[in-house]
């Protein structure tokens, strides 16, 4: 049996610490993106502005509602729909990250968990862009709309997940071997 040297053990410990900090930063950013205010229509604060209540409002809102009477109907419909798509992408990204964030700190990981890690990062990063686009469409349509700070934390969390997933490529465990299919029997 070959025992690792003190230098190898120290290098392994520093790797765990560095990856643990990245994992912790990603978890905090995702938590903040879920709890801080998102896009909201100024007259409807009763729903709340964190991720789940904001999504609930945008899925129930109708462009022809009396509250949007003076606004451009097409712009309001597009803004409501695009904002909801952004919030739904945020929810999907957080759900996928719930099962894959640990891979940022792991010494070795599988190929599929790395792919899920990357996809959750892309969902989070793109959700910020889509939500802000929906906010701009609602504002341009004449709807008094508020933009919270959660989009920035979603974007940063997504970028940390993407960059961490790209760096994790070096740590993918490739011990499984899939042989070519034998067609001759």
Protein backbone atom coordinates (compact mmCIF):
# COMPACT_ATOMS: atom_id res chain seq x y z
CA UNK A 1 0.00 0.00 0.00
CA UNK A 2 1.30 3.43 -0.96
CA UNK A 3 0.52 6.17 1.53
CA UNK A 4 0.09 9.73 0.25
CA UNK A 5 2.78 12.22 1.13
CA UNK A 6 2.15 15.14 3.44
CA UNK A 7 2.36 17.45 0.42
CA UNK A 8 -0.32 15.47 -1.44
CA UNK A 9 -2.59 15.52 1.61
CA UNK A 10 -2.14 19.29 1.96
CA UNK A 11 -2.91 19.81 -1.73
CA UNK A 12 -6.07 17.70 -1.40
CA UNK A 13 -7.16 19.70 1.67
CA UNK A 14 -6.65 23.03 -0.15
CA UNK A 15 -8.66 21.71 -3.10
CA UNK A 16 -11.56 20.78 -0.82
CA UNK A 17 -11.46 24.20 0.84
CA UNK A 18 -11.41 26.08 -2.47
CA UNK A 19 -14.21 24.00 -3.97
CA UNK A 20 -16.21 24.24 -0.73
CA UNK A 21 -16.08 28.03 -0.85
CA UNK A 22 -17.30 28.02 -4.46
CA UNK A 23 -20.12 25.65 -3.53
CA UNK A 24 -21.08 27.83 -0.56
CA UNK A 25 -21.07 31.00 -2.66
CA UNK A 26 -23.30 29.34 -5.27
CA UNK A 27 -25.74 28.14 -2.58
CA UNK A 28 -25.96 31.59 -0.97
CA UNK A 29 -26.49 33.30 -4.33
CA UNK A 30 -29.27 30.87 -5.26
CA UNK A 31 -30.94 31.30 -1.86
CA UNK A 32 -30.85 35.07 -2.23
CA UNK A 33 -32.24 34.85 -5.75
CA UNK A 34 -35.21 32.87 -4.46
CA UNK A 35 -35.97 35.09 -1.44
CA UNK A 36 -35.27 38.62 -2.68
CA UNK A 37 -37.83 40.63 -4.69
CA UNK A 38 -38.43 39.82 -8.35
CA UNK A 39 -40.49 41.63 -10.96
CA UNK A 40 -43.81 42.94 -9.67
CA UNK A 41 -46.64 45.08 -10.96
CA UNK A 42 -46.81 48.16 -8.73
CA UNK A 43 -50.50 47.84 -7.79
CA UNK A 44 -50.39 44.15 -6.85
CA UNK A 45 -48.15 43.78 -3.79
CA UNK A 46 -50.55 41.40 -2.04
CA UNK A 47 -49.01 38.41 -3.80
CA UNK A 48 -45.49 39.14 -2.55
CA UNK A 49 -42.33 39.60 -4.55
CA UNK A 50 -40.17 36.55 -3.83
CA UNK A 51 -39.92 33.81 -6.46
CA UNK A 52 -42.97 31.63 -5.74
CA UNK A 53 -45.52 34.42 -5.10
CA UNK A 54 -44.27 36.41 -8.10
CA UNK A 55 -44.62 33.33 -10.30
CA UNK A 56 -48.11 32.74 -8.95
CA UNK A 57 -49.12 36.30 -9.87
CA UNK A 58 -47.70 36.15 -13.40
CA UNK A 59 -49.39 32.83 -14.16
CA UNK A 60 -52.79 34.18 -13.04
CA UNK A 61 -52.54 37.69 -14.52
CA UNK A 62 -54.55 38.42 -17.66
CA UNK A 63 -53.64 41.16 -20.12
CA UNK A 64 -57.27 42.26 -20.48
CA UNK A 65 -57.77 42.77 -16.73
CA UNK A 66 -59.27 46.12 -15.68
CA UNK A 67 -56.04 47.07 -13.91
CA UNK A 68 -54.23 47.18 -17.27
CA UNK A 69 -56.97 49.22 -18.99
CA UNK A 70 -54.81 52.13 -20.17
CA UNK A 71 -51.89 50.02 -21.34
CA UNK A 72 -51.05 48.46 -24.70
CA UNK A 73 -52.80 45.07 -24.68
CA UNK A 74 -50.22 43.30 -26.86
CA UNK A 75 -47.28 44.67 -24.87
CA UNK A 76 -48.90 43.69 -21.57
CA UNK A 77 -49.58 40.15 -22.80
CA UNK A 78 -46.02 39.77 -24.09
CA UNK A 79 -44.56 41.21 -20.89
CA UNK A 80 -46.63 38.95 -18.64
CA UNK A 81 -45.80 35.84 -20.64
CA UNK A 82 -42.08 36.53 -21.01
CA UNK A 83 -41.74 37.46 -17.35
CA UNK A 84 -43.42 34.22 -16.35
CA UNK A 85 -41.12 32.22 -18.64
CA UNK A 86 -38.13 33.86 -16.90
CA UNK A 87 -39.49 33.06 -13.45
CA UNK A 88 -40.28 29.47 -14.49
CA UNK A 89 -36.75 29.03 -15.86
CA UNK A 90 -35.47 30.31 -12.52
CA UNK A 91 -37.54 27.71 -10.68
CA UNK A 92 -36.33 24.90 -12.96
CA UNK A 93 -32.72 26.05 -12.52
CA UNK A 94 -33.08 26.10 -8.73
CA UNK A 95 -34.68 22.66 -8.71
CA UNK A 96 -31.87 21.19 -10.81
CA UNK A 97 -29.27 22.99 -8.68
CA UNK A 98 -30.81 21.48 -5.55
CA UNK A 99 -29.62 18.08 -6.75
CA UNK A 100 -26.32 19.11 -8.32
CA UNK A 101 -24.71 21.95 -6.35
CA UNK A 102 -22.78 19.49 -4.20
CA UNK A 103 -20.80 18.56 -7.33
CA UNK A 104 -18.99 21.90 -7.11
CA UNK A 105 -17.27 20.67 -3.94
CA UNK A 106 -16.79 17.01 -4.84
CA UNK A 107 -13.33 15.68 -5.63
CA UNK A 108 -14.68 13.46 -8.42
CA UNK A 109 -18.07 13.46 -10.08
CA UNK A 110 -19.91 11.70 -12.84
CA UNK A 111 -20.47 12.99 -16.32
CA UNK A 112 -24.24 13.30 -15.98
CA UNK A 113 -24.18 15.20 -12.69
CA UNK A 114 -21.77 17.64 -14.32
CA UNK A 115 -24.21 18.09 -17.20
CA UNK A 116 -27.06 18.73 -14.77
CA UNK A 117 -24.83 21.23 -12.95
CA UNK A 118 -24.16 23.07 -16.20
CA UNK A 119 -27.82 23.02 -17.24
CA UNK A 120 -28.93 24.45 -13.89
CA UNK A 121 -26.39 27.24 -14.27
CA UNK A 122 -27.64 28.04 -17.78
CA UNK A 123 -31.26 28.05 -16.62
CA UNK A 124 -30.42 30.45 -13.77
CA UNK A 125 -28.34 32.79 -15.92
CA UNK A 126 -30.88 32.90 -18.74
CA UNK A 127 -33.79 33.37 -16.33
CA UNK A 128 -32.30 36.68 -15.24
CA UNK A 129 -32.08 37.94 -18.82
CA UNK A 130 -35.61 36.80 -19.69
CA UNK A 131 -37.13 38.29 -16.51
CA UNK A 132 -35.51 41.66 -17.12
CA UNK A 133 -36.73 41.56 -20.74
CA UNK A 134 -40.28 40.91 -19.48
CA UNK A 135 -39.94 43.82 -17.06
CA UNK A 136 -38.86 46.11 -19.89
CA UNK A 137 -41.79 44.98 -22.05
CA UNK A 138 -44.25 45.67 -19.23
CA UNK A 139 -42.73 49.10 -18.60
CA UNK A 140 -42.82 49.94 -22.32
CA UNK A 141 -46.49 48.89 -22.45
CA UNK A 142 -47.35 51.46 -19.78
CA UNK A 143 -47.68 49.18 -16.76
CA UNK A 144 -46.09 50.57 -13.56
CA UNK A 145 -43.66 47.74 -12.78
CA UNK A 146 -41.00 47.24 -10.11
CA UNK A 147 -37.77 45.32 -10.68
CA UNK A 148 -36.21 43.69 -7.65
CA UNK A 149 -32.60 42.64 -7.16
CA UNK A 150 -33.13 38.87 -7.41
CA UNK A 151 -32.27 38.82 -11.11
CA UNK A 152 -28.69 39.89 -10.33
CA UNK A 153 -28.23 37.08 -7.81
CA UNK A 154 -29.75 34.57 -10.23
CA UNK A 155 -27.32 35.72 -12.92
CA UNK A 156 -24.32 35.55 -10.59
CA UNK A 157 -25.38 32.17 -9.21
CA UNK A 158 -25.82 30.84 -12.73
CA UNK A 159 -22.40 32.09 -13.75
CA UNK A 160 -20.80 30.46 -10.70
CA UNK A 161 -22.54 27.19 -11.56
CA UNK A 162 -21.47 27.38 -15.23
CA UNK A 163 -17.85 28.24 -14.44
CA UNK A 164 -17.72 25.64 -11.67
CA UNK A 165 -19.16 23.04 -14.03
CA UNK A 166 -16.60 23.90 -16.67
CA UNK A 167 -13.81 23.60 -14.12
CA UNK A 168 -15.27 20.29 -12.91
CA UNK A 169 -14.53 18.73 -16.28
CA UNK A 170 -11.05 17.92 -14.97
CA UNK A 171 -12.58 16.01 -12.05
CA UNK A 172 -15.02 13.82 -14.01
CA UNK A 173 -14.56 10.18 -13.07
CA UNK A 174 -14.35 8.16 -16.26
CA UNK A 175 -14.04 4.68 -14.82
CA UNK A 176 -17.02 3.30 -16.70
CA UNK A 177 -16.45 1.91 -20.14
CA UNK A 178 -19.27 1.43 -22.61
CA UNK A 179 -18.32 -1.04 -25.30
CA UNK A 180 -19.44 -0.77 -28.89
CA UNK A 181 -22.54 -2.73 -29.73
CA UNK A 182 -21.80 -6.12 -31.30
CA UNK A 183 -23.95 -6.44 -34.40
CA UNK A 184 -22.66 -9.85 -35.42
CA UNK A 185 -24.28 -11.80 -32.66
